[in-house]
Amino acid sequence: MADATAAPGFEVDIKPLFREKDKRAMDSWFDLWSYGDVKENAEAILERLEEGDMPCDGAWMDERLELFRSWMTAGMAP
């Protein structure tokens, strides 16, 4: 996050969390690089991330989960 006092934004903070292979794995359901798709599916994405089912090659570190949660809590800015 560029500014520690600013709320996380999708383009700067969230989109970079998803790798090309994560995007390809989820393309048949939604686009992880699309703000609208991720915003619309944020609850389901967070659930999968918390369960460790996503990404499919290993769970996210706590810092990444917290950033995604913070983005949701702050209103899911673009």
C-alpha atoms as a PDB file:
ATOM      1  CA  MET A   1       0.000   0.000   0.000  1.00  0.00           C
ATOM      2  CA  ALA A   2       1.509   3.302  -1.036  1.00  0.00           C
ATOM      3  CA  ASP A   3       0.076   5.391   1.831  1.00  0.00           C
ATOM      4  CA  ALA A   4      -0.310   3.622   5.175  1.00  0.00           C
ATOM      5  CA  THR A   5      -3.165   5.962   6.159  1.00  0.00           C
ATOM      6  CA  ALA A   6      -5.148   5.394   2.967  1.00  0.00           C
ATOM      7  CA  ALA A   7      -7.725   2.657   2.648  1.00  0.00           C
ATOM      8  CA  PRO A   8      -6.626  -0.211   0.398  1.00  0.00           C
ATOM      9  CA  GLY A   9      -7.700   0.010  -3.225  1.00  0.00           C
ATOM     10  CA  PHE A  10      -8.294  -2.769  -5.724  1.00  0.00           C
ATOM     11  CA  GLU A  11      -5.880  -1.689  -8.478  1.00  0.00           C
ATOM     12  CA  VAL A  12      -2.954  -0.865  -6.193  1.00  0.00           C
ATOM     13  CA  ASP A  13      -3.359  -3.318  -3.314  1.00  0.00           C
ATOM     14  CA  ILE A  14      -5.714  -6.213  -4.125  1.00  0.00           C
ATOM     15  CA  LYS A  15      -5.287  -7.034  -7.815  1.00  0.00           C
ATOM     16  CA  PRO A  16      -1.502  -7.599  -7.412  1.00  0.00           C
ATOM     17  CA  LEU A  17      -2.223 -10.282  -4.786  1.00  0.00           C
ATOM     18  CA  PHE A  18      -3.653 -12.518  -7.514  1.00  0.00           C
ATOM     19  CA  ARG A  19      -1.086 -14.098  -9.826  1.00  0.00           C
ATOM     20  CA  GLU A  20      -1.612 -14.952 -13.493  1.00  0.00           C
ATOM     21  CA  LYS A  21      -2.052 -18.634 -12.573  1.00  0.00           C
ATOM     22  CA  ASP A  22      -4.684 -17.717  -9.934  1.00  0.00           C
ATOM     23  CA  LYS A  23      -6.552 -15.703 -12.560  1.00  0.00           C
ATOM     24  CA  ARG A  24      -6.446 -18.563 -15.081  1.00  0.00           C
ATOM     25  CA  ALA A  25      -7.635 -21.078 -12.480  1.00  0.00           C
ATOM     26  CA  MET A  26     -10.704 -18.964 -11.678  1.00  0.00           C
ATOM     27  CA  ASP A  27     -11.549 -17.646 -15.162  1.00  0.00           C
ATOM     28  CA  SER A  28     -14.490 -20.010 -15.616  1.00  0.00           C
ATOM     29  CA  TRP A  29     -16.171 -18.497 -12.522  1.00  0.00           C
ATOM     30  CA  PHE A  30     -15.000 -14.872 -12.494  1.00  0.00           C
ATOM     31  CA  ASP A  31     -12.019 -12.677 -13.323  1.00  0.00           C
ATOM     32  CA  LEU A  32      -9.710 -12.063 -10.354  1.00  0.00           C
ATOM     33  CA  TRP A  33      -8.238  -9.055 -12.158  1.00  0.00           C
ATOM     34  CA  SER A  34     -11.654  -7.430 -12.614  1.00  0.00           C
ATOM     35  CA  TYR A  35     -12.655  -4.974  -9.900  1.00  0.00           C
ATOM     36  CA  GLY A  36     -16.360  -5.646 -10.494  1.00  0.00           C
ATOM     37  CA  ASP A  37     -15.986  -9.427 -10.373  1.00  0.00           C
ATOM     38  CA  VAL A  38     -13.866  -9.416  -7.227  1.00  0.00           C
ATOM     39  CA  LYS A  39     -16.130  -6.893  -5.487  1.00  0.00           C
ATOM     40  CA  GLU A  40     -19.224  -8.924  -6.381  1.00  0.00           C
ATOM     41  CA  ASN A  41     -17.622 -12.167  -5.145  1.00  0.00           C
ATOM     42  CA  ALA A  42     -15.569 -10.752  -2.247  1.00  0.00           C
ATOM     43  CA  GLU A  43     -17.357 -12.720   0.493  1.00  0.00           C
ATOM     44  CA  ALA A  44     -16.908 -16.038  -1.333  1.00  0.00           C
ATOM     45  CA  ILE A  45     -13.298 -15.212  -2.196  1.00  0.00           C
ATOM     46  CA  LEU A  46     -12.517 -14.345   1.422  1.00  0.00           C
ATOM     47  CA  GLU A  47     -14.146 -17.569   2.605  1.00  0.00           C
ATOM     48  CA  ARG A  48     -11.992 -19.624   0.231  1.00  0.00           C
ATOM     49  CA  LEU A  49      -8.869 -17.677   1.192  1.00  0.00           C
ATOM     50  CA  GLU A  50      -9.560 -18.205   4.907  1.00  0.00           C
ATOM     51  CA  GLU A  51     -10.157 -21.922   4.364  1.00  0.00           C
ATOM     52  CA  GLY A  52      -6.869 -22.169   2.467  1.00  0.00           C
ATOM     53  CA  ASP A  53      -8.642 -23.536  -0.646  1.00  0.00           C
ATOM     54  CA  MET A  54      -7.567 -20.550  -2.686  1.00  0.00           C
ATOM     55  CA  PRO A  55      -5.115 -20.247  -4.240  1.00  0.00           C
ATOM     56  CA  CYS A  56      -4.964 -23.916  -5.013  1.00  0.00           C
ATOM     57  CA  ASP A  57      -1.200 -24.234  -4.482  1.00  0.00           C
ATOM     58  CA  GLY A  58      -1.103 -22.955  -0.894  1.00  0.00           C
ATOM     59  CA  ALA A  59      -2.776 -20.639   1.571  1.00  0.00           C
ATOM     60  CA  TRP A  60      -2.053 -16.918   1.711  1.00  0.00           C
ATOM     61  CA  MET A  61       0.049 -15.468   4.494  1.00  0.00           C
ATOM     62  CA  ASP A  62      -1.881 -13.665   7.230  1.00  0.00           C
ATOM     63  CA  GLU A  63      -0.737 -10.252   5.950  1.00  0.00           C
ATOM     64  CA  ARG A  64      -2.392 -10.864   2.582  1.00  0.00           C
ATOM     65  CA  LEU A  65      -5.607 -12.065   4.207  1.00  0.00           C
ATOM     66  CA  GLU A  66      -5.679  -9.007   6.443  1.00  0.00           C
ATOM     67  CA  LEU A  67      -5.169  -6.707   3.457  1.00  0.00           C
ATOM     68  CA  PHE A  68      -8.088  -8.336   1.627  1.00  0.00           C
ATOM     69  CA  ARG A  69     -10.265  -8.071   4.770  1.00  0.00           C
ATOM     70  CA  SER A  70      -9.252  -4.430   5.235  1.00  0.00           C
ATOM     71  CA  TRP A  71     -10.180  -3.672   1.644  1.00  0.00           C
ATOM     72  CA  MET A  72     -13.619  -5.188   2.194  1.00  0.00           C
ATOM     73  CA  THR A  73     -14.162  -3.411   5.521  1.00  0.00           C
ATOM     74  CA  ALA A  74     -13.083  -0.058   4.079  1.00  0.00           C
ATOM     75  CA  GLY A  75     -15.718  -0.256   1.332  1.00  0.00           C
ATOM     76  CA  MET A  76     -13.886  -2.055  -1.503  1.00  0.00           C
ATOM     77  CA  ALA A  77     -12.450   0.971  -3.292  1.00  0.00           C
ATOM     78  CA  PRO A  78     -11.458   0.534  -6.946  1.00  0.00           C
END
